[in-house]
Protein backbone atom coordinates (compact mmCIF):
# COMPACT_ATOMS: atom_id res chain seq x y z
CA UNK A 1 -5.24 -13.46 -36.56
CA UNK A 2 -3.96 -11.29 -33.68
CA UNK A 3 -0.26 -11.21 -32.95
CA UNK A 4 0.54 -13.38 -29.85
CA UNK A 5 2.83 -10.64 -28.53
CA UNK A 6 -0.03 -8.16 -28.64
CA UNK A 7 -2.25 -10.60 -26.77
CA UNK A 8 0.45 -11.12 -24.10
CA UNK A 9 0.87 -7.36 -23.77
CA UNK A 10 -2.89 -6.92 -23.39
CA UNK A 11 -3.07 -9.62 -20.73
CA UNK A 12 -0.08 -8.16 -18.88
CA UNK A 13 -1.68 -4.71 -19.03
CA UNK A 14 -4.92 -5.96 -17.48
CA UNK A 15 -3.09 -7.96 -14.81
CA UNK A 16 -0.94 -4.94 -13.90
CA UNK A 17 -4.02 -2.74 -13.57
CA UNK A 18 -5.82 -5.23 -11.34
CA UNK A 19 -2.67 -5.75 -9.27
CA UNK A 20 -2.35 -1.99 -8.76
CA UNK A 21 -5.96 -1.79 -7.56
CA UNK A 22 -5.39 -4.66 -5.15
CA UNK A 23 -2.15 -3.12 -3.85
CA UNK A 24 -4.00 0.15 -3.21
CA UNK A 25 -6.61 -1.69 -1.17
CA UNK A 26 -3.92 -3.44 0.90
CA UNK A 27 -2.08 -0.15 1.48
CA UNK A 28 -5.32 1.46 2.65
CA UNK A 29 -5.92 -1.37 5.14
CA UNK A 30 -2.30 -1.17 6.35
CA UNK A 31 -2.42 2.60 6.73
CA UNK A 32 -5.69 2.54 8.64
CA UNK A 33 -4.33 -0.11 11.02
CA UNK A 34 -1.10 1.84 11.54
CA UNK A 35 -3.03 5.03 12.33
CA UNK A 36 -5.19 3.09 14.77
CA UNK A 37 -2.15 1.69 16.57
CA UNK A 38 -0.60 5.14 16.75
CA UNK A 39 -3.85 6.58 18.14
CA UNK A 40 -3.64 3.93 20.88
CA UNK A 41 -0.18 5.16 21.88
CA UNK A 42 2.15 2.82 20.00
CA UNK A 43 5.47 4.36 19.00
CA UNK A 44 6.69 4.55 15.42
CA UNK A 45 9.40 2.01 16.28
CA UNK A 46 6.98 -0.46 17.84
CA UNK A 47 4.64 -0.26 14.86
CA UNK A 48 7.51 -0.57 12.38
CA UNK A 49 8.87 -3.65 14.14
CA UNK A 50 5.49 -5.42 14.17
CA UNK A 51 4.52 -4.45 10.63
CA UNK A 52 7.97 -5.03 9.15
CA UNK A 53 8.61 -1.60 7.71
CA UNK A 54 10.68 1.44 8.62
CA UNK A 55 9.74 3.96 11.32
CA UNK A 56 10.02 6.59 8.58
CA UNK A 57 7.23 4.92 6.60
CA UNK A 58 5.09 4.74 9.73
CA UNK A 59 5.68 8.45 10.35
CA UNK A 60 4.79 9.30 6.75
CA UNK A 61 1.56 7.31 6.99
CA UNK A 62 0.58 8.86 10.31
CA UNK A 63 1.36 12.36 9.07
CA UNK A 64 -0.48 11.78 5.79
CA UNK A 65 2.57 12.10 3.56
CA UNK A 66 2.17 8.89 1.56
CA UNK A 67 0.27 10.42 -1.33
CA UNK A 68 -2.99 8.76 -0.32
CA UNK A 69 -5.97 10.30 1.40
CA UNK A 70 -6.54 9.54 5.04
CA UNK A 71 -9.69 7.49 5.56
């Protein structure tokens, strides 16, 4: 019979992997929307205020410095 701790670890591993994939999808949607707003003339500060993040994060996304490819 499998050890219950091993089963919990396996389940946690699979949940973490699926959560990471989902988070990546949400970041991609966020980043695309932020780039679109910036292309329309919004400032980093305006975007940051509406999104709820820092202007530095907005700048990193716009400049492609978040470690993810621009789509």
